[in-house]
Amino acid sequence: MRLDKFLKVSRLIKRRTVANKVSEQGRIYVNNVIAKPAKQLKEGDIITIVQADTEIKVKIIRIPIGNISIQEASSLYEIIK
């Protein structure tokens, strides 16, 4: 699954267009490497999102097939930091 779509489906970022914009600005890392919106993710990858003076680090637990409910969204990842 693409990085921008995963961020939207997991509700880490509310909209896919915002996820694209943040990623293009170089504020999203996958496994400590700056990632573009089209980066393909796999289970076990670590995503770091840098916004203002905060940093969120999550580990991908599972990749969904399609859209999922809000209740299931937090089960896709584990917050590391």
C-alpha atoms as a PDB file:
ATOM      1  CA  MET A   1       0.000   0.000   0.000  1.00  0.00           C
ATOM      2  CA  ARG A   2       1.197   3.523  -0.780  1.00  0.00           C
ATOM      3  CA  LEU A   3       2.445   5.697   2.069  1.00  0.00           C
ATOM      4  CA  ASP A   4      -0.092   8.488   1.498  1.00  0.00           C
ATOM      5  CA  LYS A   5      -3.010   6.048   1.401  1.00  0.00           C
ATOM      6  CA  PHE A   6      -1.842   4.243   4.555  1.00  0.00           C
ATOM      7  CA  LEU A   7      -1.586   7.528   6.443  1.00  0.00           C
ATOM      8  CA  LYS A   8      -5.164   8.368   5.461  1.00  0.00           C
ATOM      9  CA  VAL A   9      -6.648   4.909   6.144  1.00  0.00           C
ATOM     10  CA  SER A  10      -4.902   4.673   9.530  1.00  0.00           C
ATOM     11  CA  ARG A  11      -6.082   8.196  10.403  1.00  0.00           C
ATOM     12  CA  LEU A  12      -2.542   9.335  11.219  1.00  0.00           C
ATOM     13  CA  ILE A  13      -3.212  12.179   8.753  1.00  0.00           C
ATOM     14  CA  LYS A  14      -6.809  13.129   7.986  1.00  0.00           C
ATOM     15  CA  ARG A  15      -6.640  13.583   4.207  1.00  0.00           C
ATOM     16  CA  ARG A  16      -4.605  11.966   1.455  1.00  0.00           C
ATOM     17  CA  THR A  17      -3.828  15.355  -0.117  1.00  0.00           C
ATOM     18  CA  VAL A  18      -2.385  16.549   3.202  1.00  0.00           C
ATOM     19  CA  ALA A  19      -0.346  13.335   3.456  1.00  0.00           C
ATOM     20  CA  ASN A  20       1.012  14.001  -0.052  1.00  0.00           C
ATOM     21  CA  LYS A  21       1.926  17.580   0.833  1.00  0.00           C
ATOM     22  CA  VAL A  22       3.672  16.658   4.097  1.00  0.00           C
ATOM     23  CA  SER A  23       5.571  13.856   2.390  1.00  0.00           C
ATOM     24  CA  GLU A  24       6.673  16.084  -0.499  1.00  0.00           C
ATOM     25  CA  GLN A  25       8.031  18.560   2.067  1.00  0.00           C
ATOM     26  CA  GLY A  26      10.328  15.822   3.391  1.00  0.00           C
ATOM     27  CA  ARG A  27       8.711  15.537   6.824  1.00  0.00           C
ATOM     28  CA  ILE A  28       7.872  11.819   6.638  1.00  0.00           C
ATOM     29  CA  TYR A  29      10.483   9.100   6.990  1.00  0.00           C
ATOM     30  CA  VAL A  30      10.125   5.365   6.433  1.00  0.00           C
ATOM     31  CA  ASN A  31      12.876   3.370   8.145  1.00  0.00           C
ATOM     32  CA  ASN A  32      14.845   6.629   8.672  1.00  0.00           C
ATOM     33  CA  VAL A  33      14.826   7.533   4.964  1.00  0.00           C
ATOM     34  CA  ILE A  34      12.807  10.469   3.562  1.00  0.00           C
ATOM     35  CA  ALA A  35       9.810   8.950   1.780  1.00  0.00           C
ATOM     36  CA  LYS A  36       7.734  10.095  -1.177  1.00  0.00           C
ATOM     37  CA  PRO A  37       3.926   9.616  -1.213  1.00  0.00           C
ATOM     38  CA  ALA A  38       4.151   6.619  -3.574  1.00  0.00           C
ATOM     39  CA  LYS A  39       6.527   4.653  -1.311  1.00  0.00           C
ATOM     40  CA  GLN A  40       5.248   1.082  -0.962  1.00  0.00           C
ATOM     41  CA  LEU A  41       4.925   0.017   2.671  1.00  0.00           C
ATOM     42  CA  LYS A  42       5.132  -3.408   4.247  1.00  0.00           C
ATOM     43  CA  GLU A  43       4.478  -4.767   7.720  1.00  0.00           C
ATOM     44  CA  GLY A  44       7.266  -3.924  10.157  1.00  0.00           C
ATOM     45  CA  ASP A  45       8.191  -0.600   8.536  1.00  0.00           C
ATOM     46  CA  ILE A  46       8.688   2.327  10.901  1.00  0.00           C
ATOM     47  CA  ILE A  47       7.117   5.645   9.915  1.00  0.00           C
ATOM     48  CA  THR A  48       8.314   8.901  11.478  1.00  0.00           C
ATOM     49  CA  ILE A  49       6.153  12.005  11.028  1.00  0.00           C
ATOM     50  CA  VAL A  50       7.726  15.358  11.918  1.00  0.00           C
ATOM     51  CA  GLN A  51       5.246  18.187  12.442  1.00  0.00           C
ATOM     52  CA  ALA A  52       6.241  21.523  13.973  1.00  0.00           C
ATOM     53  CA  ASP A  53       8.217  20.574  17.091  1.00  0.00           C
ATOM     54  CA  THR A  54       6.698  17.121  17.577  1.00  0.00           C
ATOM     55  CA  GLU A  55       7.732  13.761  16.193  1.00  0.00           C
ATOM     56  CA  ILE A  56       5.484  10.709  15.971  1.00  0.00           C
ATOM     57  CA  LYS A  57       7.055   7.309  15.378  1.00  0.00           C
ATOM     58  CA  VAL A  58       4.875   4.293  14.591  1.00  0.00           C
ATOM     59  CA  LYS A  59       5.505   0.699  13.544  1.00  0.00           C
ATOM     60  CA  ILE A  60       3.178  -0.822  10.949  1.00  0.00           C
ATOM     61  CA  ILE A  61       1.500  -3.926  12.341  1.00  0.00           C
ATOM     62  CA  ARG A  62      -0.684  -4.768   9.349  1.00  0.00           C
ATOM     63  CA  ILE A  63      -1.564  -3.394   5.935  1.00  0.00           C
ATOM     64  CA  PRO A  64      -5.322  -3.197   5.239  1.00  0.00           C
ATOM     65  CA  ILE A  65      -6.828  -4.454   1.981  1.00  0.00           C
ATOM     66  CA  GLY A  66      -9.255  -1.540   1.583  1.00  0.00           C
ATOM     67  CA  ASN A  67     -10.889   1.109   3.703  1.00  0.00           C
ATOM     68  CA  ILE A  68     -11.555   0.205   7.316  1.00  0.00           C
ATOM     69  CA  SER A  69     -13.661   1.570  10.144  1.00  0.00           C
ATOM     70  CA  ILE A  70     -12.465   4.233  12.567  1.00  0.00           C
ATOM     71  CA  GLN A  71     -12.387   1.684  15.383  1.00  0.00           C
ATOM     72  CA  GLU A  72     -10.000  -0.564  13.416  1.00  0.00           C
ATOM     73  CA  ALA A  73      -7.689   2.254  12.309  1.00  0.00           C
ATOM     74  CA  SER A  74      -5.564   2.258  15.456  1.00  0.00           C
ATOM     75  CA  SER A  75      -4.983  -1.496  15.146  1.00  0.00           C
ATOM     76  CA  LEU A  76      -2.884  -0.937  12.005  1.00  0.00           C
ATOM     77  CA  TYR A  77       0.052   0.557  13.874  1.00  0.00           C
ATOM     78  CA  GLU A  78       1.821   0.710  17.228  1.00  0.00           C
ATOM     79  CA  ILE A  79       3.126   4.008  18.578  1.00  0.00           C
ATOM     80  CA  ILE A  80       6.812   3.715  19.408  1.00  0.00           C
ATOM     81  CA  LYS A  81       7.564   7.232  20.593  1.00  0.00           C
END
